């Protein structure tokens, strides 16, 4: 049929209203979904991440069939599977003889570049409608950015609040302030009642995926089981409902806290469902707003959660498409050290890193402060090549797709873009980690010691990082007081910091 369309659905487009399907005809068109080796291995993704995407894809394909679509689904272990999107589209074109290929624009530049060649490869028109599951289009973000010298998220976030009407009181922000972040930095105590995220027992489909992943990706990072992620929109909605009922009221207060025996605290664990399309981000935000307006959730919790989605999530996506592909090469500090091996093993005497990496290995999850102020902070202070840090984050987290992970890593975590995303590096000593967590109590190192063998490595590395990068950071107005503090130190104290840092740096190559 010359008028038949072949519609490719990617593993992060698991939404029945995705733009590629809006003008499709169930009786005429054919949908293609494919598990491809290239996508599972271009970085060595966590086993649990691969399993989550594949089982969500298989469940979504079944839901589409039940809704009347004809789905051509290629499993990873199909003996004829070529292992690439281009190869599988080519085989599907031969099977179905379509007159056109349709795919919602992918979220990653690398895949978009591959698809740009398909019209010539297959001699067919290729339609690539925008991904309208985002609030801000790429064009709108580019227009917003063109009018500004500094691309600060806070001002973009205000535009998104006005556009959506979320937490607005007429033309003013609810509560008279746009941002309640200052109220969301409380350290947590171990005696808090902390809910457990919604867990789902694997069904037959998921068990088959787990067996496949265990066989094909045994040498990849991370633990495959226990596997408790949901795989369907209904399960994602159940996870949302439990978060809203049990955790959201305290989410704001403790969103920056860390406890070694409470891996999830009051976090939602919804980003993986949102990022593959099982939850609609705007609908999630409206659900949270409704809880605030019903008086069941405080404003600082609702605002803090909504800001992460319509503010930060939308903002980093805009930055990604605005700056790629050159953004991947950003390295403001010229950092070139290799990533320490313990990022892959979790075997380190530093309790905070051991906890954050250990739970990453087991859960394919760590919350944003563990990522930013523990693993990311240490890598930046150490001087690790930011591309190596990027590869690690993209590999190990179930919610990591390059469009959201890359700006978070290179920009926010490593300051490799020189301040495009943030006004100063997120550098901190052991005192921050000690204040916001209970990690330090069981650590081999003392967060109160500033130098010497027993000092928390974050302490001398913090000052060494600032000193060795003074030419790049010295004029930063937010660091002026910090450098004045360094300049007031006596020579012996400065030397002790630098010698301790030198020993640590030498230990890591």
Protein backbone atom coordinates (compact mmCIF):
# COMPACT_ATOMS: atom_id res chain seq x y z
CA UNK A 1 0.00 0.00 0.00
CA UNK A 2 1.69 3.18 -1.19
CA UNK A 3 -0.16 5.30 1.34
CA UNK A 4 0.75 3.12 4.33
CA UNK A 5 2.90 4.76 6.98
CA UNK A 6 5.57 2.99 9.00
CA UNK A 7 5.55 4.62 12.43
CA UNK A 8 8.56 4.01 14.64
CA UNK A 9 7.93 4.23 18.41
CA UNK A 10 11.07 4.66 20.49
CA UNK A 11 11.63 3.31 23.98
CA UNK A 12 11.09 6.72 25.58
CA UNK A 13 7.94 7.46 23.56
CA UNK A 14 5.60 5.11 25.40
CA UNK A 15 2.62 7.47 25.30
CA UNK A 16 -0.56 6.61 23.37
CA UNK A 17 -1.01 10.26 22.38
CA UNK A 18 2.58 10.69 21.15
CA UNK A 19 2.68 13.05 18.16
CA UNK A 20 3.59 10.33 15.61
CA UNK A 21 0.26 8.61 16.28
CA UNK A 22 -2.06 11.62 16.20
CA UNK A 23 -2.76 11.50 12.48
CA UNK A 24 -2.23 7.76 12.10
CA UNK A 25 -4.76 5.27 10.81
CA UNK A 26 -5.13 2.01 12.74
CA UNK A 27 -6.49 0.17 9.71
CA UNK A 28 -3.72 1.30 7.38
CA UNK A 29 -0.51 2.09 9.23
CA UNK A 30 2.03 -0.21 10.85
CA UNK A 31 3.85 0.55 14.09
CA UNK A 32 7.43 -0.57 14.59
CA UNK A 33 9.10 -1.05 17.95
CA UNK A 34 12.56 -2.58 18.26
CA UNK A 35 14.93 -3.56 21.06
CA UNK A 36 18.34 -2.82 19.56
CA UNK A 37 21.78 -3.72 20.84
CA UNK A 38 23.29 -0.37 19.88
CA UNK A 39 20.98 1.53 22.23
CA UNK A 40 21.67 -0.84 25.11
CA UNK A 41 25.44 -0.63 24.72
CA UNK A 42 26.54 2.76 23.32
CA UNK A 43 27.26 3.34 26.99
CA UNK A 44 27.23 0.36 29.32
CA UNK A 45 23.80 0.95 30.80
CA UNK A 46 22.84 -0.43 34.21
CA UNK A 47 21.23 -3.85 33.82
CA UNK A 48 18.15 -2.65 35.68
CA UNK A 49 17.80 0.33 33.33
CA UNK A 50 17.90 -1.89 30.23
CA UNK A 51 15.34 -4.23 31.78
CA UNK A 52 13.03 -1.34 32.69
CA UNK A 53 13.02 0.11 29.17
CA UNK A 54 12.56 -3.25 27.45
CA UNK A 55 9.75 -4.45 29.70
CA UNK A 56 7.98 -1.08 29.46
CA UNK A 57 8.26 -1.30 25.67
CA UNK A 58 6.81 -4.82 25.56
CA UNK A 59 3.91 -3.87 27.80
CA UNK A 60 3.24 -0.74 25.74
CA UNK A 61 3.24 -2.75 22.51
CA UNK A 62 0.64 -5.06 23.99
CA UNK A 63 -1.50 -2.10 25.07
CA UNK A 64 -1.31 -0.71 21.53
CA UNK A 65 -2.41 -4.03 20.06
CA UNK A 66 -5.34 -4.18 22.46
CA UNK A 67 -6.27 -0.68 21.26
CA UNK A 68 -6.45 -1.90 17.66
CA UNK A 69 -3.00 -1.06 16.30
CA UNK A 70 -0.87 -3.46 14.26
CA UNK A 71 2.52 -3.54 15.98
CA UNK A 72 5.63 -5.03 14.43
CA UNK A 73 7.76 -5.70 17.51
CA UNK A 74 11.38 -6.87 17.18
CA UNK A 75 12.89 -8.42 20.28
CA UNK A 76 16.56 -8.24 21.09
CA UNK A 77 16.98 -12.00 20.71
CA UNK A 78 15.31 -12.15 17.30
CA UNK A 79 18.01 -13.91 15.22
CA UNK A 80 17.51 -11.43 12.36
CA UNK A 81 17.74 -8.33 14.58
CA UNK A 82 20.37 -6.02 13.06
CA UNK A 83 21.03 -4.26 16.37
CA UNK A 84 20.41 -0.72 15.05
CA UNK A 85 17.40 1.50 14.40
CA UNK A 86 18.49 2.04 10.80
CA UNK A 87 18.78 -1.69 10.21
CA UNK A 88 15.40 -2.44 11.75
CA UNK A 89 13.63 0.35 9.87
CA UNK A 90 15.19 -0.98 6.68
CA UNK A 91 13.90 -4.49 7.36
CA UNK A 92 10.45 -3.14 8.23
CA UNK A 93 10.33 -1.08 5.03
CA UNK A 94 11.01 -4.30 3.09
CA UNK A 95 8.27 -6.15 5.02
CA UNK A 96 5.53 -3.53 4.82
CA UNK A 97 6.29 -1.41 1.74
CA UNK A 98 5.26 1.91 3.30
CA UNK A 99 5.03 5.16 1.41
CA UNK A 100 6.31 7.20 4.35
CA UNK A 101 8.24 6.83 7.62
CA UNK A 102 6.97 8.70 10.66
CA UNK A 103 8.69 9.09 14.02
CA UNK A 104 8.27 11.64 16.78
CA UNK A 105 11.48 13.65 17.00
CA UNK A 106 13.84 11.73 19.29
CA UNK A 107 15.11 13.23 22.52
CA UNK A 108 18.79 12.67 21.75
CA UNK A 109 20.92 14.47 19.20
CA UNK A 110 22.78 11.29 18.27
CA UNK A 111 19.58 9.51 17.20
CA UNK A 112 18.24 12.63 15.47
CA UNK A 113 21.42 12.80 13.38
CA UNK A 114 21.01 9.14 12.35
CA UNK A 115 17.39 9.65 11.33
CA UNK A 116 18.28 12.68 9.21
CA UNK A 117 19.86 10.28 6.69
CA UNK A 118 16.85 7.97 6.38
CA UNK A 119 15.16 9.79 3.51
CA UNK A 120 18.22 9.16 1.35
CA UNK A 121 18.82 5.68 2.82
CA UNK A 122 15.33 4.39 2.07
CA UNK A 123 14.11 6.68 -0.71
CA UNK A 124 11.05 7.59 1.34
CA UNK A 125 9.83 10.81 2.95
CA UNK A 126 10.47 10.91 6.68
CA UNK A 127 8.10 12.91 8.89
CA UNK A 128 9.44 13.90 12.28
CA UNK A 129 6.78 15.82 14.24
CA UNK A 130 7.80 17.67 17.40
CA UNK A 131 7.58 15.87 20.70
CA UNK A 132 4.64 17.80 22.15
CA UNK A 133 4.87 16.09 25.56
CA UNK A 134 7.08 19.03 26.58
CA UNK A 135 5.64 22.38 27.60
CA UNK A 136 8.28 24.48 25.87
CA UNK A 137 9.08 23.76 22.24
CA UNK A 138 12.65 23.84 21.02
CA UNK A 139 11.84 26.92 18.94
CA UNK A 140 10.26 28.73 21.88
CA UNK A 141 13.27 28.00 24.08
CA UNK A 142 15.65 29.25 21.39
CA UNK A 143 13.59 32.44 21.15
CA UNK A 144 13.68 32.89 24.93
CA UNK A 145 17.45 32.31 25.00
CA UNK A 146 18.13 34.73 22.13
CA UNK A 147 16.74 37.61 24.16
CA UNK A 148 19.00 37.04 27.18
CA UNK A 149 22.68 37.34 28.04
CA UNK A 150 22.34 34.88 30.94
CA UNK A 151 20.23 31.76 30.60
CA UNK A 152 19.24 31.32 34.23
CA UNK A 153 16.69 28.63 34.99
CA UNK A 154 14.86 30.77 37.57
CA UNK A 155 13.65 33.25 34.95
CA UNK A 156 12.71 30.51 32.51
CA UNK A 157 10.78 28.79 35.30
CA UNK A 158 8.71 31.89 35.88
CA UNK A 159 7.74 31.89 32.22
CA UNK A 160 6.63 28.26 32.53
CA UNK A 161 4.55 29.07 35.60
CA UNK A 162 2.81 31.85 33.69
CA UNK A 163 2.31 29.65 30.62
CA UNK A 164 0.80 26.73 32.54
CA UNK A 165 -0.93 28.72 35.28
CA UNK A 166 0.47 26.31 37.86
CA UNK A 167 0.56 27.75 41.38
CA UNK A 168 -0.49 31.17 40.15
CA UNK A 169 -2.72 33.67 41.93
CA UNK A 170 -3.87 35.76 39.00
CA UNK A 171 -0.66 37.14 37.53
CA UNK A 172 1.25 36.67 40.80
CA UNK A 173 2.90 33.54 42.16
CA UNK A 174 0.97 31.68 44.83
CA UNK A 175 2.20 32.72 48.27
CA UNK A 176 3.88 35.85 46.90
CA UNK A 177 7.14 34.10 45.95
CA UNK A 178 8.26 32.14 42.92
CA UNK A 179 10.68 29.89 44.75
CA UNK A 180 10.55 28.31 48.21
CA UNK A 181 13.88 26.51 47.93
CA UNK A 182 15.24 28.17 51.07
CA UNK A 183 12.67 26.17 53.08
CA UNK A 184 13.65 22.88 51.45
CA UNK A 185 17.07 22.27 52.96
CA UNK A 186 16.40 20.57 56.25
CA UNK A 187 18.66 17.69 57.30
CA UNK A 188 16.76 14.51 58.10
CA UNK A 189 16.95 12.41 61.25
CA UNK A 190 16.94 8.65 61.26
CA UNK A 191 13.79 8.51 63.41
CA UNK A 192 11.57 10.05 60.73
CA UNK A 193 8.72 7.96 59.40
CA UNK A 194 9.71 7.47 55.76
CA UNK A 195 7.32 5.81 53.28
CA UNK A 196 8.44 3.16 50.83
CA UNK A 197 8.07 3.79 47.07
CA UNK A 198 5.45 1.72 45.31
CA UNK A 199 6.92 -1.63 44.28
CA UNK A 200 5.58 -4.00 41.66
CA UNK A 201 6.10 -7.75 41.37
CA UNK A 202 7.43 -8.72 37.92
CA UNK A 203 4.85 -10.41 35.69
CA UNK A 204 5.56 -13.03 33.02
CA UNK A 205 6.64 -10.42 30.47
CA UNK A 206 9.06 -8.77 32.90
CA UNK A 207 10.48 -12.12 33.99
CA UNK A 208 11.27 -12.91 30.35
CA UNK A 209 13.04 -9.56 30.00
CA UNK A 210 15.01 -10.11 33.20
CA UNK A 211 16.22 -13.47 31.90
CA UNK A 212 17.23 -11.90 28.59
CA UNK A 213 19.09 -9.00 30.24
CA UNK A 214 20.78 -11.30 32.73
CA UNK A 215 22.06 -13.41 29.85
CA UNK A 216 23.03 -10.70 27.35
CA UNK A 217 24.34 -7.99 29.69
CA UNK A 218 25.85 -9.93 32.57
CA UNK A 219 29.02 -7.82 32.47
CA UNK A 220 27.19 -4.49 32.69
CA UNK A 221 27.15 -2.41 35.87
CA UNK A 222 24.54 -2.93 38.56
CA UNK A 223 22.27 -5.47 40.18
CA UNK A 224 19.41 -6.78 38.07
CA UNK A 225 17.30 -8.06 40.93
CA UNK A 226 15.29 -7.44 42.96
CA UNK A 227 13.42 -5.66 40.18
CA UNK A 228 10.43 -3.63 41.37
CA UNK A 229 9.89 -0.87 38.81
CA UNK A 230 6.47 -0.63 37.19
CA UNK A 231 6.16 -1.36 33.49
CA UNK A 232 2.79 0.10 32.51
CA UNK A 233 0.98 3.42 32.62
CA UNK A 234 -1.39 1.99 35.20
CA UNK A 235 1.49 1.02 37.47
CA UNK A 236 3.13 4.41 36.99
CA UNK A 237 -0.14 6.06 38.00
CA UNK A 238 -0.25 3.87 41.11
CA UNK A 239 3.30 4.96 41.97
CA UNK A 240 2.25 8.59 41.54
CA UNK A 241 -0.80 8.10 43.76
CA UNK A 242 1.29 6.59 46.55
CA UNK A 243 3.86 9.38 46.34
CA UNK A 244 1.19 12.07 46.49
CA UNK A 245 -0.58 10.44 49.45
CA UNK A 246 2.41 9.40 51.54
CA UNK A 247 5.55 11.33 50.62
CA UNK A 248 4.68 14.62 48.93
CA UNK A 249 3.70 16.49 52.13
CA UNK A 250 7.28 16.15 53.43
CA UNK A 251 9.04 16.24 50.06
CA UNK A 252 9.92 19.91 50.28
CA UNK A 253 11.41 19.95 53.77
CA UNK A 254 13.78 17.05 53.22
CA UNK A 255 14.50 17.02 49.49
CA UNK A 256 18.19 17.80 50.08
CA UNK A 257 18.69 15.39 52.99
CA UNK A 258 20.59 12.10 52.88
CA UNK A 259 20.30 9.08 55.20
CA UNK A 260 22.31 5.91 54.72
CA UNK A 261 19.42 3.61 55.67
CA UNK A 262 16.71 5.57 53.82
CA UNK A 263 17.58 5.59 50.15
CA UNK A 264 14.41 7.22 48.91
CA UNK A 265 13.29 9.48 51.78
CA UNK A 266 10.34 11.51 50.42
CA UNK A 267 11.41 11.50 46.77
CA UNK A 268 8.92 10.44 44.12
CA UNK A 269 10.95 7.93 42.03
CA UNK A 270 8.73 9.06 39.15
CA UNK A 271 11.35 10.51 36.80
CA UNK A 272 11.96 7.17 35.07
CA UNK A 273 8.22 6.83 34.33
CA UNK A 274 7.97 10.42 33.10
CA UNK A 275 11.08 10.15 30.94
CA UNK A 276 9.85 7.09 29.02
CA UNK A 277 6.34 8.49 28.61
CA UNK A 278 4.32 6.42 31.05
CA UNK A 279 3.35 9.56 32.97
CA UNK A 280 2.44 12.94 31.53
CA UNK A 281 4.62 15.58 33.24
CA UNK A 282 2.05 18.37 33.12
CA UNK A 283 -0.68 16.07 34.45
CA UNK A 284 1.63 15.07 37.31
CA UNK A 285 2.19 18.73 38.15
CA UNK A 286 -1.54 19.47 38.10
CA UNK A 287 -2.11 16.55 40.45
CA UNK A 288 0.44 18.02 42.85
CA UNK A 289 -1.10 21.48 42.58
CA UNK A 290 -4.52 20.03 43.38
CA UNK A 291 -3.12 18.51 46.57
CA UNK A 292 -1.84 21.94 47.63
CA UNK A 293 -5.13 23.65 46.83
CA UNK A 294 -7.00 20.97 48.77
CA UNK A 295 -4.87 21.78 51.81
CA UNK A 296 -3.16 18.39 51.97
CA UNK A 297 0.32 19.52 50.91
CA UNK A 298 2.29 22.63 51.97
CA UNK A 299 3.26 25.18 49.36
CA UNK A 300 7.00 24.62 49.69
CA UNK A 301 6.55 20.93 48.83
CA UNK A 302 4.24 21.54 45.86
CA UNK A 303 6.36 24.37 44.48
CA UNK A 304 9.62 22.49 44.92
CA UNK A 305 8.29 19.44 43.10
CA UNK A 306 6.67 21.40 40.27
CA UNK A 307 9.86 23.45 39.78
CA UNK A 308 11.84 20.28 39.14
CA UNK A 309 9.52 19.37 36.25
CA UNK A 310 8.29 22.52 34.51
CA UNK A 311 11.38 24.46 35.53
CA UNK A 312 14.51 22.36 35.58
CA UNK A 313 13.44 19.43 33.34
CA UNK A 314 12.15 21.71 30.59
CA UNK A 315 15.12 24.05 30.96
CA UNK A 316 17.84 21.41 30.58
CA UNK A 317 16.08 19.99 27.55
CA UNK A 318 16.12 23.45 26.00
CA UNK A 319 19.81 23.91 26.80
CA UNK A 320 20.62 20.49 25.35
CA UNK A 321 19.09 21.19 21.94
CA UNK A 322 20.35 24.77 21.89
CA UNK A 323 23.98 23.78 22.45
CA UNK A 324 24.42 20.31 20.94
CA UNK A 325 26.55 18.78 19.54
CA UNK A 326 29.36 21.04 20.75
CA UNK A 327 28.08 20.95 24.33
CA UNK A 328 29.40 17.41 24.74
CA UNK A 329 32.97 18.70 24.39
CA UNK A 330 32.75 21.44 27.04
CA UNK A 331 35.59 21.28 29.58
CA UNK A 332 35.98 24.68 31.26
CA UNK A 333 38.59 23.51 33.77
CA UNK A 334 40.56 21.38 31.33
CA UNK A 335 39.99 18.43 33.67
CA UNK A 336 41.58 15.22 32.43
CA UNK A 337 41.83 12.71 35.25
CA UNK A 338 40.22 9.28 34.79
CA UNK A 339 37.10 8.40 36.76
CA UNK A 340 38.20 6.43 39.86
CA UNK A 341 37.49 2.71 39.66
CA UNK A 342 35.39 2.84 42.82
CA UNK A 343 32.63 4.64 40.88
CA UNK A 344 32.01 1.23 39.30
CA UNK A 345 32.61 -0.93 42.39
CA UNK A 346 31.53 1.21 45.35
CA UNK A 347 34.65 0.03 47.18
CA UNK A 348 35.95 3.12 48.97
CA UNK A 349 36.61 4.18 52.56
CA UNK A 350 34.59 7.36 52.05
CA UNK A 351 31.21 6.54 53.57
CA UNK A 352 29.19 9.06 51.56
CA UNK A 353 30.52 7.85 48.23
CA UNK A 354 30.21 4.22 49.29
CA UNK A 355 26.54 4.79 50.20
CA UNK A 356 25.62 6.77 47.07
CA UNK A 357 27.41 4.43 44.66
CA UNK A 358 26.26 1.31 46.51
CA UNK A 359 22.61 2.24 46.21
CA UNK A 360 23.17 3.29 42.60
CA UNK A 361 24.54 -0.17 41.90
CA UNK A 362 21.59 -1.87 43.60
CA UNK A 363 18.72 0.43 42.64
CA UNK A 364 19.79 2.32 39.47
CA UNK A 365 18.74 5.35 41.52
CA UNK A 366 20.15 8.08 43.72
CA UNK A 367 18.45 11.38 44.40
CA UNK A 368 19.64 14.73 43.07
CA UNK A 369 21.74 15.78 46.07
CA UNK A 370 23.57 12.46 46.15
CA UNK A 371 24.32 12.94 42.45
CA UNK A 372 25.22 16.62 42.70
CA UNK A 373 26.93 17.03 46.08
CA UNK A 374 28.49 13.59 46.63
CA UNK A 375 29.46 11.77 43.42
CA UNK A 376 29.47 14.87 41.21
CA UNK A 377 31.16 17.15 43.72
CA UNK A 378 33.96 14.67 44.36
CA UNK A 379 34.61 14.12 40.66
CA UNK A 380 34.81 17.87 40.04
CA UNK A 381 37.12 18.50 43.01
CA UNK A 382 39.32 15.65 41.85
CA UNK A 383 39.53 17.05 38.31
CA UNK A 384 37.94 14.14 36.44
CA UNK A 385 37.37 14.52 32.70
CA UNK A 386 33.74 15.70 32.52
CA UNK A 387 32.98 13.44 29.56
CA UNK A 388 33.93 10.42 31.70
CA UNK A 389 31.60 11.68 34.44
CA UNK A 390 28.86 12.13 31.84
CA UNK A 391 29.30 8.57 30.56
CA UNK A 392 29.00 7.26 34.12
CA UNK A 393 25.79 9.14 34.94
CA UNK A 394 24.23 8.21 31.61
CA UNK A 395 25.08 4.57 32.26
CA UNK A 396 24.04 4.02 35.84
CA UNK A 397 20.64 5.69 36.39
CA UNK A 398 17.32 4.32 35.18
CA UNK A 399 15.99 7.82 34.46
CA UNK A 400 19.08 8.98 32.53
CA UNK A 401 18.55 9.96 28.90
CA UNK A 402 21.18 12.19 27.34
CA UNK A 403 18.96 15.25 26.83
CA UNK A 404 18.30 15.50 30.57
CA UNK A 405 21.49 13.94 31.94
CA UNK A 406 24.13 15.78 29.89
CA UNK A 407 23.30 19.37 30.93
CA UNK A 408 22.82 18.22 34.51
CA UNK A 409 26.27 16.59 34.50
CA UNK A 410 28.45 18.86 32.38
CA UNK A 411 26.67 22.05 33.35
CA UNK A 412 25.31 21.81 36.86
CA UNK A 413 27.48 19.10 38.40
CA UNK A 414 30.88 19.66 36.75
CA UNK A 415 30.65 23.36 35.73
CA UNK A 416 32.27 22.24 32.49
CA UNK A 417 30.26 24.81 30.52
CA UNK A 418 31.89 27.64 32.48
CA UNK A 419 28.68 28.96 33.99
CA UNK A 420 26.04 28.64 31.29
CA UNK A 421 23.70 26.78 33.67
CA UNK A 422 24.95 27.85 37.08
CA UNK A 423 26.47 31.02 38.46
CA UNK A 424 29.18 29.14 40.37
CA UNK A 425 30.47 25.58 40.76
CA UNK A 426 28.64 23.32 43.19
CA UNK A 427 31.83 22.74 45.16
CA UNK A 428 31.57 21.85 48.84
CA UNK A 429 33.72 20.48 51.63
CA UNK A 430 32.91 17.64 53.99
CA UNK A 431 31.03 20.03 56.26
CA UNK A 432 28.10 20.20 53.82
CA UNK A 433 27.81 16.42 53.63
CA UNK A 434 28.08 16.12 57.40
CA UNK A 435 25.31 18.69 57.88
CA UNK A 436 22.92 17.17 55.35
CA UNK A 437 23.46 13.45 56.04
CA UNK A 438 24.33 10.81 58.60
CA UNK A 439 27.07 9.33 56.42
CA UNK A 440 30.00 10.83 58.27
CA UNK A 441 29.31 9.11 61.61
CA UNK A 442 30.50 5.76 60.24
CA UNK A 443 33.27 7.07 58.02
CA UNK A 444 36.96 6.27 58.23
CA UNK A 445 37.61 10.01 57.74
CA UNK A 446 36.74 12.93 60.01
CA UNK A 447 34.73 15.75 58.40
CA UNK A 448 36.00 18.18 61.05
CA UNK A 449 39.66 17.55 60.22
CA UNK A 450 40.88 19.84 57.49
CA UNK A 451 44.16 18.21 56.50
CA UNK A 452 46.26 15.14 57.20
CA UNK A 453 45.62 11.43 56.72
CA UNK A 454 42.42 11.34 58.77
CA UNK A 455 40.84 14.42 57.20
CA UNK A 456 37.77 14.04 55.03
CA UNK A 457 39.18 14.11 51.48
CA UNK A 458 36.55 16.66 50.47
CA UNK A 459 38.16 19.24 52.77
CA UNK A 460 41.64 19.61 51.24
CA UNK A 461 40.34 18.91 47.74
CA UNK A 462 37.82 21.75 48.08
CA UNK A 463 40.52 24.33 48.67
CA UNK A 464 42.92 22.78 46.17
CA UNK A 465 40.21 22.90 43.49
CA UNK A 466 39.59 26.59 44.13
CA UNK A 467 43.28 27.48 44.21
CA UNK A 468 44.30 25.58 41.09
CA UNK A 469 41.36 27.10 39.20
CA UNK A 470 41.72 30.64 40.54
CA UNK A 471 42.58 32.06 37.14
CA UNK A 472 39.22 30.81 35.85
CA UNK A 473 37.12 31.46 38.96
CA UNK A 474 38.79 34.35 40.73
CA UNK A 475 36.59 37.00 39.14
CA UNK A 476 33.36 35.14 39.96
CA UNK A 477 31.44 37.48 42.30
CA UNK A 478 29.91 34.58 44.20
CA UNK A 479 33.36 33.28 45.12
CA UNK A 480 34.97 36.51 46.21
CA UNK A 481 34.46 35.89 49.92
CA UNK A 482 35.74 32.32 49.60
CA UNK A 483 38.98 33.48 48.02
CA UNK A 484 39.37 36.20 50.64
CA UNK A 485 39.08 33.48 53.29
CA UNK A 486 41.87 31.54 51.60
CA UNK A 487 44.05 34.64 51.38
CA UNK A 488 43.67 35.26 55.13
CA UNK A 489 44.97 31.78 56.01
CA UNK A 490 48.55 31.57 57.20
CA UNK A 491 51.11 29.87 54.98
CA UNK A 492 51.33 26.74 57.12
CA UNK A 493 47.58 26.13 56.91
CA UNK A 494 47.55 26.67 53.17
CA UNK A 495 50.50 24.33 52.73
CA UNK A 496 48.79 21.65 54.82
CA UNK A 497 45.71 21.79 52.60
CA UNK A 498 47.76 21.62 49.40
CA UNK A 499 49.97 18.76 50.62
CA UNK A 500 46.96 16.73 51.72
CA UNK A 501 45.24 17.35 48.39
CA UNK A 502 48.39 16.40 46.52
CA UNK A 503 48.52 13.06 48.33
CA UNK A 504 44.88 12.35 47.48
CA UNK A 505 45.34 13.33 43.82
CA UNK A 506 48.44 11.17 43.56
CA UNK A 507 46.47 8.23 44.95
CA UNK A 508 43.93 8.58 42.14
CA UNK A 509 46.48 8.78 39.36
